[in-house]
Amino acid sequence: MAIPDRFEGIFGCGHEGTASLADVPLAKRLRRIDWLKTEGTCGACFAKKAGQRRKQESREAARWAAEHRLPPLNGSDKQIDFAESLRQDILTDAYTQLVESGRMSDEDYAEKIEAKVLKIHSARFWIDAQNTTVEDLAGVLDTADEVVAARVAEEQQLMRLEGSQKQVDWATRIRFDLLENAQADLVPARMDAATFDSEVVGKARKINSAHWWINQRDASTDDLLQLLADPGYDAIVENVEAQG
């Protein structure tokens, strides 16, 4: 009798479905079929269990973050759930390898790692940093503001700012912080994501003066909305490569 390369029947969960056996060695396929019939789950049940497991891991990561007084993360619900678990794994591993191994004192860890982590509110940062080694972690944390701000600017297709390099670097971080805070304040409490993109991000895309953004660094969300509605003559820099 030919050994099948696909299981079709009732899984252990009681639901009917199919499962590929192509990656299972021939000698183990009959045993795998028996397992699928008694303990296996269909695709829907597998996805449901995986989702429940991720939610449990996310709740545990949120509790861990609260115990360690880490800041809440900004992003979509899916990003936050994933990033909180990643942050816990990264920092737990870092503490084990650096402090518990004796390579770094608690005081140095607090200064070089913890103090920088407390300033990071972006879920996206932790997702991007998920493969960072312990040796590289401190350096990655040092550049967190620039990395996140640059990624957001790219994703939102924001204009490159005009000004001196120092002004541009500073204003890029300010613009990111203002828009991130505005999104947290406005979505979904006062507007949906599509409206935020058109009414806030859409207007921000048109302003390329680094000096303008620097001047708005202390603006509240409501202030920012008014400023974007009427940004003034100095918001746009035309035909200028660098502004002192």
C-alpha atoms as a PDB file:
ATOM      1  CA  MET A   1       0.000   0.000   0.000  1.00  0.00           C
ATOM      2  CA  ALA A   2       1.334   3.411  -0.947  1.00  0.00           C
ATOM      3  CA  ILE A   3       2.223   5.676   1.944  1.00  0.00           C
ATOM      4  CA  PRO A   4       0.160   8.883   1.641  1.00  0.00           C
ATOM      5  CA  ASP A   5       1.734  12.316   1.447  1.00  0.00           C
ATOM      6  CA  ARG A   6      -1.394  13.973   2.801  1.00  0.00           C
ATOM      7  CA  PHE A   7      -3.763  13.314   5.690  1.00  0.00           C
ATOM      8  CA  GLU A   8      -7.478  13.748   5.082  1.00  0.00           C
ATOM      9  CA  GLY A   9      -9.944  12.965   7.838  1.00  0.00           C
ATOM     10  CA  ILE A  10     -11.027  13.775  11.383  1.00  0.00           C
ATOM     11  CA  PHE A  11      -8.431  15.390  13.647  1.00  0.00           C
ATOM     12  CA  GLY A  12      -8.161  14.790  17.367  1.00  0.00           C
ATOM     13  CA  CYS A  13     -10.068  18.041  17.942  1.00  0.00           C
ATOM     14  CA  GLY A  14     -13.097  16.478  16.228  1.00  0.00           C
ATOM     15  CA  HIS A  15     -12.995  18.617  13.092  1.00  0.00           C
ATOM     16  CA  GLU A  16     -12.494  17.377   9.563  1.00  0.00           C
ATOM     17  CA  GLY A  17      -9.629  18.670   7.474  1.00  0.00           C
ATOM     18  CA  THR A  18      -6.371  17.971   5.679  1.00  0.00           C
ATOM     19  CA  ALA A  19      -2.681  18.186   6.533  1.00  0.00           C
ATOM     20  CA  SER A  20       0.396  17.826   4.344  1.00  0.00           C
ATOM     21  CA  LEU A  21       2.810  15.012   5.206  1.00  0.00           C
ATOM     22  CA  ALA A  22       5.334  15.939   2.529  1.00  0.00           C
ATOM     23  CA  ASP A  23       7.924  17.067   5.089  1.00  0.00           C
ATOM     24  CA  VAL A  24       7.475  13.953   7.267  1.00  0.00           C
ATOM     25  CA  PRO A  25       9.938  11.085   6.562  1.00  0.00           C
ATOM     26  CA  LEU A  26       8.245   8.085   4.960  1.00  0.00           C
ATOM     27  CA  ALA A  27       9.046   5.849   7.928  1.00  0.00           C
ATOM     28  CA  LYS A  28       7.204   8.205  10.297  1.00  0.00           C
ATOM     29  CA  ARG A  29       4.119   9.100   8.258  1.00  0.00           C
ATOM     30  CA  LEU A  30       1.816   6.349   9.520  1.00  0.00           C
ATOM     31  CA  ARG A  31       2.728   7.260  13.099  1.00  0.00           C
ATOM     32  CA  ARG A  32       2.038  10.938  12.310  1.00  0.00           C
ATOM     33  CA  ILE A  33      -1.379  10.039  10.885  1.00  0.00           C
ATOM     34  CA  ASP A  34      -2.261   8.175  14.090  1.00  0.00           C
ATOM     35  CA  TRP A  35      -1.160  11.213  16.114  1.00  0.00           C
ATOM     36  CA  LEU A  36      -3.228  13.587  13.980  1.00  0.00           C
ATOM     37  CA  LYS A  37      -6.289  11.389  14.503  1.00  0.00           C
ATOM     38  CA  THR A  38      -5.898  11.286  18.292  1.00  0.00           C
ATOM     39  CA  GLU A  39      -4.119  14.495  19.351  1.00  0.00           C
ATOM     40  CA  GLY A  40      -3.808  16.685  16.268  1.00  0.00           C
ATOM     41  CA  THR A  41      -5.813  19.837  15.620  1.00  0.00           C
ATOM     42  CA  CYS A  42      -7.277  21.266  12.445  1.00  0.00           C
ATOM     43  CA  GLY A  43      -5.972  24.539  11.035  1.00  0.00           C
ATOM     44  CA  ALA A  44      -8.689  26.634  12.685  1.00  0.00           C
ATOM     45  CA  CYS A  45      -8.155  25.104  16.130  1.00  0.00           C
ATOM     46  CA  PHE A  46      -4.381  25.403  15.776  1.00  0.00           C
ATOM     47  CA  ALA A  47      -4.700  29.100  14.921  1.00  0.00           C
ATOM     48  CA  LYS A  48      -7.101  29.629  17.833  1.00  0.00           C
ATOM     49  CA  LYS A  49      -4.728  27.981  20.308  1.00  0.00           C
ATOM     50  CA  ALA A  50      -1.786  29.945  18.915  1.00  0.00           C
ATOM     51  CA  GLY A  51      -3.748  33.175  19.318  1.00  0.00           C
ATOM     52  CA  GLN A  52      -4.669  32.284  22.898  1.00  0.00           C
ATOM     53  CA  ARG A  53      -1.034  31.483  23.647  1.00  0.00           C
ATOM     54  CA  ARG A  54       0.112  34.816  22.211  1.00  0.00           C
ATOM     55  CA  LYS A  55      -2.488  36.678  24.274  1.00  0.00           C
ATOM     56  CA  GLN A  56      -1.324  34.899  27.420  1.00  0.00           C
ATOM     57  CA  GLU A  57       2.298  35.732  26.625  1.00  0.00           C
ATOM     58  CA  SER A  58       1.286  39.351  25.994  1.00  0.00           C
ATOM     59  CA  ARG A  59      -0.533  39.572  29.344  1.00  0.00           C
ATOM     60  CA  GLU A  60       2.504  38.144  31.119  1.00  0.00           C
ATOM     61  CA  ALA A  61       4.784  40.596  29.305  1.00  0.00           C
ATOM     62  CA  ALA A  62       2.503  43.507  30.253  1.00  0.00           C
ATOM     63  CA  ARG A  63       2.594  42.447  33.915  1.00  0.00           C
ATOM     64  CA  TRP A  64       6.375  42.125  33.735  1.00  0.00           C
ATOM     65  CA  ALA A  65       6.633  45.605  32.201  1.00  0.00           C
ATOM     66  CA  ALA A  66       4.456  47.058  34.964  1.00  0.00           C
ATOM     67  CA  GLU A  67       6.554  45.378  37.656  1.00  0.00           C
ATOM     68  CA  HIS A  68       9.711  46.856  36.128  1.00  0.00           C
ATOM     69  CA  ARG A  69       8.054  50.256  35.573  1.00  0.00           C
ATOM     70  CA  LEU A  70       8.664  50.234  31.846  1.00  0.00           C
ATOM     71  CA  PRO A  71       6.773  52.733  29.669  1.00  0.00           C
ATOM     72  CA  PRO A  72       3.664  51.735  27.707  1.00  0.00           C
ATOM     73  CA  LEU A  73       4.280  51.190  24.015  1.00  0.00           C
ATOM     74  CA  ASN A  74       2.650  52.991  21.099  1.00  0.00           C
ATOM     75  CA  GLY A  75       1.487  51.227  17.951  1.00  0.00           C
ATOM     76  CA  SER A  76      -1.293  48.983  16.724  1.00  0.00           C
ATOM     77  CA  ASP A  77      -2.697  46.399  19.148  1.00  0.00           C
ATOM     78  CA  LYS A  78      -0.919  43.648  17.222  1.00  0.00           C
ATOM     79  CA  GLN A  79       2.385  45.544  17.281  1.00  0.00           C
ATOM     80  CA  ILE A  80       2.110  46.250  21.009  1.00  0.00           C
ATOM     81  CA  ASP A  81       1.313  42.630  21.906  1.00  0.00           C
ATOM     82  CA  PHE A  82       4.302  41.399  19.902  1.00  0.00           C
ATOM     83  CA  ALA A  83       6.664  44.157  21.027  1.00  0.00           C
ATOM     84  CA  GLU A  84       5.930  43.740  24.746  1.00  0.00           C
ATOM     85  CA  SER A  85       6.918  40.077  24.556  1.00  0.00           C
ATOM     86  CA  LEU A  86      10.018  40.923  22.530  1.00  0.00           C
ATOM     87  CA  ARG A  87      11.042  43.645  24.979  1.00  0.00           C
ATOM     88  CA  GLN A  88      10.741  41.232  27.891  1.00  0.00           C
ATOM     89  CA  ASP A  89      12.795  38.568  26.100  1.00  0.00           C
ATOM     90  CA  ILE A  90      15.489  41.029  25.004  1.00  0.00           C
ATOM     91  CA  LEU A  91      15.910  42.662  28.412  1.00  0.00           C
ATOM     92  CA  THR A  92      15.708  39.422  30.391  1.00  0.00           C
ATOM     93  CA  ASP A  93      18.379  37.907  28.166  1.00  0.00           C
ATOM     94  CA  ALA A  94      20.511  41.047  28.430  1.00  0.00           C
ATOM     95  CA  TYR A  95      20.346  41.083  32.235  1.00  0.00           C
ATOM     96  CA  THR A  96      21.236  37.394  32.395  1.00  0.00           C
ATOM     97  CA  GLN A  97      24.196  37.686  30.045  1.00  0.00           C
ATOM     98  CA  LEU A  98      25.518  41.001  31.319  1.00  0.00           C
ATOM     99  CA  VAL A  99      24.767  41.267  35.032  1.00  0.00           C
ATOM    100  CA  GLU A 100      24.242  37.739  36.285  1.00  0.00           C
ATOM    101  CA  SER A 101      27.344  36.615  34.397  1.00  0.00           C
ATOM    102  CA  GLY A 102      29.384  39.343  36.095  1.00  0.00           C
ATOM    103  CA  ARG A 103      30.237  41.230  32.903  1.00  0.00           C
ATOM    104  CA  MET A 104      28.420  44.365  34.070  1.00  0.00           C
ATOM    105  CA  SER A 105      27.395  45.759  37.449  1.00  0.00           C
ATOM    106  CA  ASP A 106      23.787  46.578  38.308  1.00  0.00           C
ATOM    107  CA  GLU A 107      24.720  50.261  38.329  1.00  0.00           C
ATOM    108  CA  ASP A 108      26.234  50.132  34.835  1.00  0.00           C
ATOM    109  CA  TYR A 109      23.262  48.145  33.539  1.00  0.00           C
ATOM    110  CA  ALA A 110      20.874  50.741  34.948  1.00  0.00           C
ATOM    111  CA  GLU A 111      22.817  53.536  33.232  1.00  0.00           C
ATOM    112  CA  LYS A 112      23.636  51.905  29.889  1.00  0.00           C
ATOM    113  CA  ILE A 113      20.484  49.851  29.332  1.00  0.00           C
ATOM    114  CA  GLU A 114      17.567  50.628  31.663  1.00  0.00           C
ATOM    115  CA  ALA A 115      17.781  54.421  31.479  1.00  0.00           C
ATOM    116  CA  LYS A 116      17.618  54.289  27.683  1.00  0.00           C
ATOM    117  CA  VAL A 117      14.810  51.719  27.623  1.00  0.00           C
ATOM    118  CA  LEU A 118      12.638  54.025  29.737  1.00  0.00           C
ATOM    119  CA  LYS A 119      12.661  56.607  26.923  1.00  0.00           C
ATOM    120  CA  ILE A 120      11.442  54.225  24.207  1.00  0.00           C
ATOM    121  CA  HIS A 121       7.685  54.183  23.608  1.00  0.00           C
ATOM    122  CA  SER A 122       7.646  52.772  20.088  1.00  0.00           C
ATOM    123  CA  ALA A 123       6.486  49.178  19.615  1.00  0.00           C
ATOM    124  CA  ARG A 124       8.046  49.319  16.161  1.00  0.00           C
ATOM    125  CA  PHE A 125      11.493  49.826  17.689  1.00  0.00           C
ATOM    126  CA  TRP A 126      11.361  46.550  19.619  1.00  0.00           C
ATOM    127  CA  ILE A 127      10.049  44.648  16.610  1.00  0.00           C
ATOM    128  CA  ASP A 128      12.928  45.957  14.501  1.00  0.00           C
ATOM    129  CA  ALA A 129      15.390  45.144  17.308  1.00  0.00           C
ATOM    130  CA  GLN A 130      14.240  41.563  17.873  1.00  0.00           C
ATOM    131  CA  ASN A 131      17.464  40.035  16.467  1.00  0.00           C
ATOM    132  CA  THR A 132      19.816  42.446  18.233  1.00  0.00           C
ATOM    133  CA  THR A 133      22.624  40.735  20.129  1.00  0.00           C
ATOM    134  CA  VAL A 134      23.407  41.596  23.734  1.00  0.00           C
ATOM    135  CA  GLU A 135      26.738  43.027  22.604  1.00  0.00           C
ATOM    136  CA  ASP A 136      24.995  45.448  20.230  1.00  0.00           C
ATOM    137  CA  LEU A 137      22.034  46.346  22.456  1.00  0.00           C
ATOM    138  CA  ALA A 138      23.512  49.442  24.130  1.00  0.00           C
ATOM    139  CA  GLY A 139      24.482  50.923  20.761  1.00  0.00           C
ATOM    140  CA  VAL A 140      21.055  50.205  19.275  1.00  0.00           C
ATOM    141  CA  LEU A 141      19.392  51.898  22.250  1.00  0.00           C
ATOM    142  CA  ASP A 142      21.616  54.951  21.738  1.00  0.00           C
ATOM    143  CA  THR A 143      20.227  55.446  18.233  1.00  0.00           C
ATOM    144  CA  ALA A 144      16.603  54.573  19.048  1.00  0.00           C
ATOM    145  CA  ASP A 145      15.240  58.087  18.465  1.00  0.00           C
ATOM    146  CA  GLU A 146      16.872  58.471  15.067  1.00  0.00           C
ATOM    147  CA  VAL A 147      15.986  54.944  13.903  1.00  0.00           C
ATOM    148  CA  VAL A 148      12.319  55.172  14.862  1.00  0.00           C
ATOM    149  CA  ALA A 149      11.877  58.700  13.551  1.00  0.00           C
ATOM    150  CA  ALA A 150      13.493  57.822  10.228  1.00  0.00           C
ATOM    151  CA  ARG A 151      11.335  54.699   9.854  1.00  0.00           C
ATOM    152  CA  VAL A 152       8.145  56.606  10.594  1.00  0.00           C
ATOM    153  CA  ALA A 153       9.090  59.356   8.152  1.00  0.00           C
ATOM    154  CA  GLU A 154       9.708  56.748   5.463  1.00  0.00           C
ATOM    155  CA  GLU A 155       6.469  54.851   6.120  1.00  0.00           C
ATOM    156  CA  GLN A 156       4.351  57.999   6.264  1.00  0.00           C
ATOM    157  CA  GLN A 157       6.150  59.468   3.235  1.00  0.00           C
ATOM    158  CA  LEU A 158       6.991  62.652   5.109  1.00  0.00           C
ATOM    159  CA  MET A 159       9.087  65.259   3.328  1.00  0.00           C
ATOM    160  CA  ARG A 160      12.765  65.454   4.064  1.00  0.00           C
ATOM    161  CA  LEU A 161      13.279  68.462   6.284  1.00  0.00           C
ATOM    162  CA  GLU A 162      15.346  71.431   5.184  1.00  0.00           C
ATOM    163  CA  GLY A 163      17.906  73.072   7.438  1.00  0.00           C
ATOM    164  CA  SER A 164      21.353  72.419   8.822  1.00  0.00           C
ATOM    165  CA  GLN A 165      22.110  68.770   9.573  1.00  0.00           C
ATOM    166  CA  LYS A 166      21.842  69.455  13.293  1.00  0.00           C
ATOM    167  CA  GLN A 167      18.444  71.120  12.810  1.00  0.00           C
ATOM    168  CA  VAL A 168      17.205  68.292  10.586  1.00  0.00           C
ATOM    169  CA  ASP A 169      18.228  65.591  13.078  1.00  0.00           C
ATOM    170  CA  TRP A 170      16.571  67.431  15.962  1.00  0.00           C
ATOM    171  CA  ALA A 171      13.441  68.382  14.027  1.00  0.00           C
ATOM    172  CA  THR A 172      12.972  64.832  12.711  1.00  0.00           C
ATOM    173  CA  ARG A 173      12.788  63.531  16.279  1.00  0.00           C
ATOM    174  CA  ILE A 174      10.451  66.369  17.294  1.00  0.00           C
ATOM    175  CA  ARG A 175       8.139  65.712  14.343  1.00  0.00           C
ATOM    176  CA  PHE A 176       8.028  62.018  15.182  1.00  0.00           C
ATOM    177  CA  ASP A 177       7.241  62.679  18.859  1.00  0.00           C
ATOM    178  CA  LEU A 178       4.502  65.194  18.036  1.00  0.00           C
ATOM    179  CA  LEU A 179       2.793  62.894  15.531  1.00  0.00           C
ATOM    180  CA  GLU A 180       3.139  59.818  17.726  1.00  0.00           C
ATOM    181  CA  ASN A 181       1.656  61.649  20.721  1.00  0.00           C
ATOM    182  CA  ALA A 182      -1.118  63.062  18.544  1.00  0.00           C
ATOM    183  CA  GLN A 183      -1.997  59.603  17.271  1.00  0.00           C
ATOM    184  CA  ALA A 184      -2.175  58.251  20.819  1.00  0.00           C
ATOM    185  CA  ASP A 185      -4.421  61.169  21.867  1.00  0.00           C
ATOM    186  CA  LEU A 186      -6.701  61.187  18.832  1.00  0.00           C
ATOM    187  CA  VAL A 187      -7.075  57.597  17.568  1.00  0.00           C
ATOM    188  CA  PRO A 188      -9.632  56.189  18.153  1.00  0.00           C
ATOM    189  CA  ALA A 189     -10.999  58.558  20.818  1.00  0.00           C
ATOM    190  CA  ARG A 190     -11.561  61.536  18.509  1.00  0.00           C
ATOM    191  CA  MET A 191     -10.999  60.262  14.969  1.00  0.00           C
ATOM    192  CA  ASP A 192     -10.340  57.037  13.105  1.00  0.00           C
ATOM    193  CA  ALA A 193      -6.976  56.097  11.606  1.00  0.00           C
ATOM    194  CA  ALA A 194      -7.941  57.151   8.074  1.00  0.00           C
ATOM    195  CA  THR A 195      -8.996  60.611   9.236  1.00  0.00           C
ATOM    196  CA  PHE A 196      -5.791  60.964  11.258  1.00  0.00           C
ATOM    197  CA  ASP A 197      -3.742  60.087   8.188  1.00  0.00           C
ATOM    198  CA  SER A 198      -5.492  62.672   6.018  1.00  0.00           C
ATOM    199  CA  GLU A 199      -6.091  65.483   8.520  1.00  0.00           C
ATOM    200  CA  VAL A 200      -2.894  65.269  10.555  1.00  0.00           C
ATOM    201  CA  VAL A 201      -0.206  63.278   8.753  1.00  0.00           C
ATOM    202  CA  GLY A 202      -1.356  64.601   5.379  1.00  0.00           C
ATOM    203  CA  LYS A 203      -0.837  68.195   6.502  1.00  0.00           C
ATOM    204  CA  ALA A 204       2.428  67.366   8.255  1.00  0.00           C
ATOM    205  CA  ARG A 205       3.760  65.937   4.983  1.00  0.00           C
ATOM    206  CA  LYS A 206       3.656  69.399   3.436  1.00  0.00           C
ATOM    207  CA  ILE A 207       5.850  71.090   6.058  1.00  0.00           C
ATOM    208  CA  ASN A 208       9.548  70.730   5.328  1.00  0.00           C
ATOM    209  CA  SER A 209      11.090  73.454   7.490  1.00  0.00           C
ATOM    210  CA  ALA A 210      13.193  71.968  10.283  1.00  0.00           C
ATOM    211  CA  HIS A 211      13.070  75.334  12.051  1.00  0.00           C
ATOM    212  CA  TRP A 212       9.247  75.271  12.036  1.00  0.00           C
ATOM    213  CA  TRP A 213       9.122  71.860  13.718  1.00  0.00           C
ATOM    214  CA  ILE A 214      11.717  72.878  16.290  1.00  0.00           C
ATOM    215  CA  ASN A 215       9.580  75.884  17.225  1.00  0.00           C
ATOM    216  CA  GLN A 216       6.596  73.580  17.854  1.00  0.00           C
ATOM    217  CA  ARG A 217       8.490  71.148  20.084  1.00  0.00           C
ATOM    218  CA  ASP A 218       6.356  71.924  23.168  1.00  0.00           C
ATOM    219  CA  ALA A 219       3.010  71.963  21.354  1.00  0.00           C
ATOM    220  CA  SER A 220       0.114  69.951  22.756  1.00  0.00           C
ATOM    221  CA  THR A 221      -1.984  67.814  20.440  1.00  0.00           C
ATOM    222  CA  ASP A 222      -4.681  70.500  20.205  1.00  0.00           C
ATOM    223  CA  ASP A 223      -2.023  73.134  19.539  1.00  0.00           C
ATOM    224  CA  LEU A 224      -0.562  70.944  16.799  1.00  0.00           C
ATOM    225  CA  LEU A 225      -3.944  70.590  15.084  1.00  0.00           C
ATOM    226  CA  GLN A 226      -4.321  74.380  14.967  1.00  0.00           C
ATOM    227  CA  LEU A 227      -0.755  74.857  13.743  1.00  0.00           C
ATOM    228  CA  LEU A 228      -1.177  72.300  10.968  1.00  0.00           C
ATOM    229  CA  ALA A 229      -4.410  73.996   9.870  1.00  0.00           C
ATOM    230  CA  ASP A 230      -2.569  77.319   9.510  1.00  0.00           C
ATOM    231  CA  PRO A 231       1.190  76.640   9.602  1.00  0.00           C
ATOM    232  CA  GLY A 232       2.291  80.091   8.459  1.00  0.00           C
ATOM    233  CA  TYR A 233       4.625  81.344   5.765  1.00  0.00           C
ATOM    234  CA  ASP A 234       7.767  79.866   7.356  1.00  0.00           C
ATOM    235  CA  ALA A 235       6.573  76.234   7.231  1.00  0.00           C
ATOM    236  CA  ILE A 236       7.774  75.612   3.681  1.00  0.00           C
ATOM    237  CA  VAL A 237      11.365  76.020   2.517  1.00  0.00           C
ATOM    238  CA  GLU A 238      11.715  76.229  -1.268  1.00  0.00           C
ATOM    239  CA  ASN A 239      14.828  75.936  -3.410  1.00  0.00           C
ATOM    240  CA  VAL A 240      17.135  75.856  -0.416  1.00  0.00           C
ATOM    241  CA  GLU A 241      19.657  73.088   0.184  1.00  0.00           C
ATOM    242  CA  ALA A 242      20.630  74.068   3.706  1.00  0.00           C
ATOM    243  CA  GLN A 243      19.374  76.505   6.229  1.00  0.00           C
ATOM    244  CA  GLY A 244      21.713  77.809   8.939  1.00  0.00           C
END
